[in-house]
Amino acid sequence: MIKKGDLFFNKVTIIGVGLIGASFALALKEKGLCKNIIGCGRKENNLRQAKKRRIIDDYTLDVSRSCKDSDLILLSTPVGAFTDIIKLIRGTVKKGAVISDVGSVKGSLVYALESLMPKGVYYIGSHPIAGSDSSGIDDARADLFNNARCIITPTAKSNKKALKTVTSIWEKFGSRVELIDPLKHDEIFGAVSHFPHVVAYAVVNTLESIDSDYIKYAGEGFKDTTRIAMSSPELWRDISLFNRANLLKMIDIFRDNLDEIVRLLEKGDSAGIEKEFSKAQDLRMKIK
C-alpha cells in the first residue's frame, strides 16, 4: 500500500460514485496516488458514465467483488447502508486494507463499524466539509477538497498507521485536517449542518402548507435560506435518524428561540425583536 515512503495504492474501491466519491477518485488520480480505481454502486448507468469520463477505471455492481485485493475502500453511500456494506465485504477484504468513509454522521456509527472490521483490516472515519446540494458526478472535480476542512474521527482503538494513511490522503488533497472525537463530531455538525437542513426542509414544507403557488414569488432570500432543501432526501433521512438525539435537543432549543420571537411579536416589542435579530446578525458575521 505504501510505496517507498510515499502514499500509493495499487487498487482503490469507491462504493457510491456520487459527487463526493467521484471527486475523491479524481483527486486520487490528479495527485498520482493510485494505479486502479474500481467503482461500485446501485445504478449501472451512473457507473458507466463515470468510467466513460475516466473518473473510475472499472466498475461492478457486486460490492463484495469490488473490494477484492483493494488497499483502500471508501464508503460514499448514504450512511444507513454502511453497516450492511461492511457485513457484505468483510469476508473479501484483504489484511492490511484501510476502510474509510465520507459520511456526515460519526458518533456511535464509528464504533459500530470499527467492531465489524475483520482482523488486520482498519477503519478510520472521515468527513470532508465540501460539496453542494448536488449529489451527482456532473459536478465532481479534483479540487473539491482543496482548502476544505476535513474532520477525521479516530478512537482509542484506531490503528496508528491507518490513521496516518487516511490523514495523509486528505492532506495531499489540500484539505485542512482536524481530528475530533466521533461523539463530539455529531454534536458540532448536528448544530451547524444537520439541524439547518431539517429547518430548510421544514421551511419549504411550511410554504407548501400555506400555498405552494407562492413559490413562484420566491426571491434570493428564500433561495439562500432553503438551498440545502434541494439535497438528497435519502442521504439526509439517514443523517437525521443516526443523529436524532442531538437533533431533537437542537429542535427543542430552536423552539424556545422561536417562541421568544412569537412572544415579542405578540407584545409588539420592536426593541426586543431588533435585539434578537441583532444578536443573530452578530454571530452570523463571525463566519469567515
Protein backbone atom coordinates (compact mmCIF):
# COMPACT_ATOMS: atom_id res chain seq x y z
CA MET A 1 0.00 0.00 0.00
CA ILE A 2 2.77 2.45 0.87
CA LYS A 3 5.48 2.63 -1.75
CA LYS A 4 8.98 3.99 -0.98
CA GLY A 5 7.67 6.18 1.81
CA ASP A 6 5.06 7.81 -0.44
CA LEU A 7 1.32 7.37 -0.37
CA PHE A 8 0.34 4.99 -3.15
CA PHE A 9 -2.46 2.45 -3.63
CA ASN A 10 -2.48 -0.30 -6.23
CA LYS A 11 -6.25 -0.64 -6.05
CA VAL A 12 -8.89 1.64 -4.55
CA THR A 13 -12.59 0.80 -4.31
CA ILE A 14 -15.14 3.59 -4.07
CA ILE A 15 -18.59 2.41 -3.04
CA GLY A 16 -21.03 5.11 -4.06
CA VAL A 17 -19.79 7.15 -7.01
CA GLY A 18 -21.68 10.41 -6.50
CA LEU A 19 -20.32 13.94 -6.11
CA ILE A 20 -18.01 13.15 -3.18
CA GLY A 21 -16.99 9.66 -4.29
CA ALA A 22 -16.27 10.81 -7.84
CA SER A 23 -14.34 13.87 -6.64
CA PHE A 24 -12.31 11.60 -4.34
CA ALA A 25 -11.44 9.43 -7.34
CA LEU A 26 -10.45 12.43 -9.46
CA ALA A 27 -8.30 13.81 -6.64
CA LEU A 28 -6.53 10.45 -6.26
CA LYS A 29 -5.79 10.43 -9.98
CA GLU A 30 -4.65 14.04 -10.10
CA LYS A 31 -2.25 13.51 -7.18
CA GLY A 32 -0.95 10.23 -8.62
CA LEU A 33 -1.90 8.28 -5.52
CA CYS A 34 -3.29 5.15 -7.13
CA LYS A 35 -2.96 2.70 -10.01
CA ASN A 36 -6.53 1.46 -10.38
CA ILE A 37 -9.91 2.72 -9.11
CA ILE A 38 -12.97 0.47 -9.05
CA GLY A 39 -16.41 2.00 -8.62
CA CYS A 40 -19.40 0.22 -7.14
CA GLY A 41 -22.99 1.30 -6.75
CA ARG A 42 -26.63 0.53 -7.44
CA LYS A 43 -27.04 2.36 -10.76
CA GLU A 44 -25.07 0.89 -13.63
CA ASN A 45 -25.72 3.85 -15.91
CA ASN A 46 -24.06 6.19 -13.42
CA LEU A 47 -21.06 3.87 -13.10
CA ARG A 48 -20.84 3.53 -16.88
CA GLN A 49 -20.77 7.31 -17.23
CA ALA A 50 -18.10 7.57 -14.52
CA LYS A 51 -15.93 5.10 -16.40
CA LYS A 52 -16.55 6.87 -19.72
CA ARG A 53 -15.42 10.14 -18.15
CA ARG A 54 -12.36 8.35 -16.70
CA ILE A 55 -13.38 9.11 -13.14
CA ILE A 56 -13.01 5.40 -12.40
CA ASP A 57 -11.12 2.70 -14.30
CA ASP A 58 -13.75 -0.02 -14.00
CA TYR A 59 -16.90 -0.85 -12.11
CA THR A 60 -19.08 -3.65 -10.78
CA LEU A 61 -22.47 -3.88 -9.11
CA ASP A 62 -21.15 -6.65 -6.86
CA VAL A 63 -19.94 -4.88 -3.72
CA SER A 64 -18.06 -7.89 -2.36
CA ARG A 65 -16.18 -8.47 -5.61
CA SER A 66 -15.37 -4.77 -5.94
CA CYS A 67 -13.31 -4.89 -2.74
CA LYS A 68 -11.19 -7.92 -3.53
CA ASP A 69 -7.46 -7.07 -3.25
CA SER A 70 -8.21 -3.38 -2.58
CA ASP A 71 -5.72 -1.41 -0.49
CA LEU A 72 -8.22 1.35 0.26
CA ILE A 73 -12.02 1.19 0.39
CA LEU A 74 -14.12 4.35 0.61
CA LEU A 75 -17.75 4.26 1.71
CA SER A 76 -19.57 7.10 -0.05
CA THR A 77 -23.18 5.93 0.11
CA PRO A 78 -25.91 7.16 2.46
CA VAL A 79 -24.72 6.33 5.98
CA GLY A 80 -27.63 3.98 6.60
CA ALA A 81 -26.01 1.46 4.24
CA PHE A 82 -22.57 1.43 5.90
CA THR A 83 -23.02 -1.47 8.31
CA ASP A 84 -24.69 -3.67 5.71
CA ILE A 85 -21.87 -2.97 3.26
CA ILE A 86 -19.21 -3.92 5.81
CA LYS A 87 -21.03 -7.15 6.59
CA LEU A 88 -21.09 -7.98 2.87
CA ILE A 89 -17.43 -7.24 2.20
CA ARG A 90 -15.74 -8.38 5.41
CA GLY A 91 -15.05 -11.85 4.02
CA THR A 92 -13.41 -10.39 0.90
CA VAL A 93 -11.25 -7.54 2.21
CA LYS A 94 -7.57 -8.40 2.42
CA LYS A 95 -5.44 -7.96 5.51
CA GLY A 96 -3.75 -4.59 5.68
CA ALA A 97 -6.59 -2.82 3.86
CA VAL A 98 -7.84 0.53 5.12
CA ILE A 99 -11.55 1.36 5.09
CA SER A 100 -12.75 4.93 5.42
CA ASP A 101 -15.89 6.89 4.65
CA VAL A 102 -17.10 10.38 3.88
CA GLY A 103 -20.30 10.26 5.91
CA SER A 104 -21.70 13.32 7.67
CA VAL A 105 -22.53 11.27 10.77
CA LYS A 106 -19.96 9.64 13.01
CA GLY A 107 -20.85 9.16 16.70
CA SER A 108 -21.82 5.60 17.61
CA LEU A 109 -21.64 4.59 13.95
CA VAL A 110 -17.83 4.83 14.09
CA TYR A 111 -17.71 2.37 16.97
CA ALA A 112 -20.18 0.03 15.25
CA LEU A 113 -18.12 -0.04 12.04
CA GLU A 114 -14.90 -0.43 13.97
CA SER A 115 -16.31 -3.50 15.74
CA LEU A 116 -17.17 -5.11 12.40
CA MET A 117 -13.64 -4.93 11.00
CA PRO A 118 -12.03 -8.31 10.22
CA LYS A 119 -8.67 -8.97 11.85
CA GLY A 120 -5.94 -6.96 10.15
CA VAL A 121 -8.38 -4.55 8.45
CA TYR A 122 -8.56 -0.99 9.76
CA TYR A 123 -11.35 1.58 9.75
CA ILE A 124 -10.84 5.33 10.10
CA GLY A 125 -13.81 7.69 9.82
CA SER A 126 -13.52 10.92 7.84
CA HIS A 127 -15.87 13.74 6.90
CA PRO A 128 -14.83 16.28 4.25
CA ILE A 129 -16.72 19.54 4.65
CA ALA A 130 -17.17 20.01 0.94
CA GLY A 131 -19.81 19.55 -1.72
CA SER A 132 -23.15 21.14 -2.50
CA ASP A 133 -26.83 20.32 -2.77
CA SER A 134 -25.92 18.37 -5.91
CA SER A 135 -25.21 14.68 -5.43
CA GLY A 136 -24.21 13.61 -8.96
CA ILE A 137 -20.97 13.12 -10.86
CA ASP A 138 -21.64 16.06 -13.20
CA ASP A 139 -20.30 18.48 -10.59
CA ALA A 140 -17.39 16.27 -9.47
CA ARG A 141 -13.95 17.84 -9.63
CA ALA A 142 -10.45 17.00 -8.44
CA ASP A 143 -10.04 20.21 -6.41
CA LEU A 144 -13.31 19.90 -4.47
CA PHE A 145 -11.45 19.20 -1.22
CA ASN A 146 -8.69 21.76 -1.69
CA ASN A 147 -8.65 24.16 1.29
CA ALA A 148 -11.76 22.49 2.68
CA ARG A 149 -11.84 21.31 6.29
CA CYS A 150 -11.82 17.53 6.72
CA ILE A 151 -12.72 16.01 10.06
CA ILE A 152 -11.15 12.67 10.97
CA THR A 153 -12.68 10.80 13.91
CA PRO A 154 -10.27 8.26 15.42
CA THR A 155 -11.00 6.26 18.55
CA ALA A 156 -8.73 4.79 21.22
CA LYS A 157 -8.65 1.59 19.15
CA SER A 158 -7.66 3.22 15.85
CA ASN A 159 -4.60 1.77 14.14
CA LYS A 160 -1.92 4.49 14.07
CA LYS A 161 -0.61 3.56 10.63
CA ALA A 162 -4.10 3.56 9.15
CA LEU A 163 -4.83 6.90 10.80
CA LYS A 164 -1.67 8.35 9.28
CA THR A 165 -2.63 6.96 5.87
CA VAL A 166 -6.12 8.48 5.88
CA THR A 167 -4.82 11.79 7.26
CA SER A 168 -2.15 11.89 4.55
CA ILE A 169 -4.69 11.33 1.78
CA TRP A 170 -6.73 14.36 2.77
CA GLU A 171 -3.63 16.47 3.31
CA LYS A 172 -2.46 15.51 -0.20
CA PHE A 173 -5.83 16.74 -1.46
CA GLY A 174 -5.13 20.10 0.16
CA SER A 175 -7.67 19.69 2.96
CA ARG A 176 -7.31 21.25 6.40
CA VAL A 177 -7.41 18.16 8.57
CA GLU A 178 -8.72 18.20 12.12
CA LEU A 179 -9.10 15.24 14.49
CA ILE A 180 -12.28 15.20 16.59
CA ASP A 181 -13.90 12.64 18.87
CA PRO A 182 -16.76 10.86 16.99
CA LEU A 183 -19.43 11.83 19.51
CA LYS A 184 -18.27 15.45 19.63
CA HIS A 185 -18.32 15.49 15.83
CA ASP A 186 -22.04 14.75 15.84
CA GLU A 187 -22.75 17.45 18.41
CA ILE A 188 -20.92 20.03 16.30
CA PHE A 189 -22.27 19.07 12.90
CA GLY A 190 -25.70 18.40 14.27
CA ALA A 191 -25.75 22.10 15.13
CA VAL A 192 -24.09 23.63 12.06
CA SER A 193 -25.21 21.21 9.34
CA HIS A 194 -27.83 18.59 10.19
CA PHE A 195 -30.17 20.93 12.07
CA PRO A 196 -30.11 23.65 9.35
CA HIS A 197 -31.00 21.01 6.75
CA VAL A 198 -34.00 19.90 8.81
CA VAL A 199 -35.10 23.52 9.20
CA ALA A 200 -34.71 24.18 5.46
CA TYR A 201 -36.94 21.21 4.64
CA ALA A 202 -39.47 22.43 7.22
CA VAL A 203 -39.46 25.99 5.80
CA VAL A 204 -40.27 24.72 2.31
CA ASN A 205 -42.95 22.38 3.65
CA THR A 206 -44.43 25.31 5.58
CA LEU A 207 -44.80 27.19 2.29
CA GLU A 208 -46.47 24.10 0.86
CA SER A 209 -48.92 24.14 3.78
CA ILE A 210 -49.73 27.81 3.16
CA ASP A 211 -49.96 27.79 -0.63
CA SER A 212 -47.50 26.01 -2.92
CA ASP A 213 -48.24 28.52 -5.69
CA TYR A 214 -46.42 31.17 -3.65
CA ILE A 215 -43.11 29.50 -4.59
CA LYS A 216 -43.12 31.39 -7.89
CA TYR A 217 -42.68 34.64 -5.97
CA ALA A 218 -39.65 33.40 -4.03
CA GLY A 219 -36.65 35.70 -4.31
CA GLU A 220 -32.98 35.38 -3.45
CA GLY A 221 -33.62 35.44 0.30
CA PHE A 222 -35.87 32.39 0.12
CA LYS A 223 -33.47 30.67 -2.27
CA ASP A 224 -30.49 31.32 0.02
CA THR A 225 -32.39 30.15 3.10
CA THR A 226 -33.67 26.94 1.51
CA ARG A 227 -30.96 25.95 -0.98
CA ILE A 228 -29.96 22.94 1.10
CA ALA A 229 -33.54 21.64 0.94
CA MET A 230 -32.59 20.51 -2.58
CA SER A 231 -30.15 18.00 -1.08
CA SER A 232 -30.81 14.27 -1.41
CA PRO A 233 -33.76 13.26 0.80
CA GLU A 234 -32.37 9.72 1.07
CA LEU A 235 -28.99 10.98 2.27
CA TRP A 236 -30.47 13.39 4.81
CA ARG A 237 -33.05 10.87 6.02
CA ASP A 238 -30.20 8.64 7.18
CA ILE A 239 -28.18 11.50 8.67
CA SER A 240 -31.22 12.75 10.60
CA LEU A 241 -32.04 9.33 12.02
CA PHE A 242 -28.47 8.49 13.00
CA ASN A 243 -28.05 11.85 14.76
CA ARG A 244 -31.61 12.15 16.03
CA ALA A 245 -30.70 12.51 19.72
CA ASN A 246 -28.67 15.66 19.00
CA LEU A 247 -31.25 16.90 16.52
CA LEU A 248 -34.11 16.56 18.99
CA LYS A 249 -32.18 18.61 21.57
CA MET A 250 -31.45 21.30 18.99
CA ILE A 251 -35.03 21.41 17.79
CA ASP A 252 -36.12 22.00 21.41
CA ILE A 253 -33.67 24.91 21.69
CA PHE A 254 -34.86 26.24 18.33
CA ARG A 255 -38.45 26.02 19.52
CA ASP A 256 -37.51 28.11 22.58
CA ASN A 257 -35.92 30.77 20.35
CA LEU A 258 -38.92 30.76 18.02
CA ASP A 259 -41.27 31.02 20.99
CA GLU A 260 -39.33 34.07 22.18
CA ILE A 261 -39.88 35.76 18.81
CA VAL A 262 -43.57 34.82 18.97
CA ARG A 263 -43.79 36.41 22.43
CA LEU A 264 -42.12 39.61 21.19
CA LEU A 265 -44.38 39.77 18.14
CA GLU A 266 -47.49 39.32 20.26
CA LYS A 267 -46.34 42.16 22.52
CA GLY A 268 -45.39 44.34 19.57
CA ASP A 269 -41.97 44.74 21.20
CA SER A 270 -39.95 46.34 18.40
CA ALA A 271 -36.85 46.85 20.55
CA GLY A 272 -36.91 43.21 21.67
CA ILE A 273 -37.32 41.95 18.11
CA GLU A 274 -34.44 44.10 16.90
CA LYS A 275 -32.29 42.85 19.78
CA GLU A 276 -32.97 39.21 18.83
CA PHE A 277 -32.21 39.87 15.17
CA SER A 278 -29.05 41.83 16.00
CA LYS A 279 -27.78 39.02 18.23
CA ALA A 280 -28.18 36.60 15.32
CA GLN A 281 -26.54 39.03 12.89
CA ASP A 282 -23.50 39.44 15.14
CA LEU A 283 -22.88 35.69 15.39
CA ARG A 284 -23.54 35.13 11.68
CA MET A 285 -20.93 37.74 10.79
CA LYS A 286 -18.26 35.67 12.53
CA ILE A 287 -18.36 33.08 9.74
CA LYS A 288 -15.32 33.63 7.55
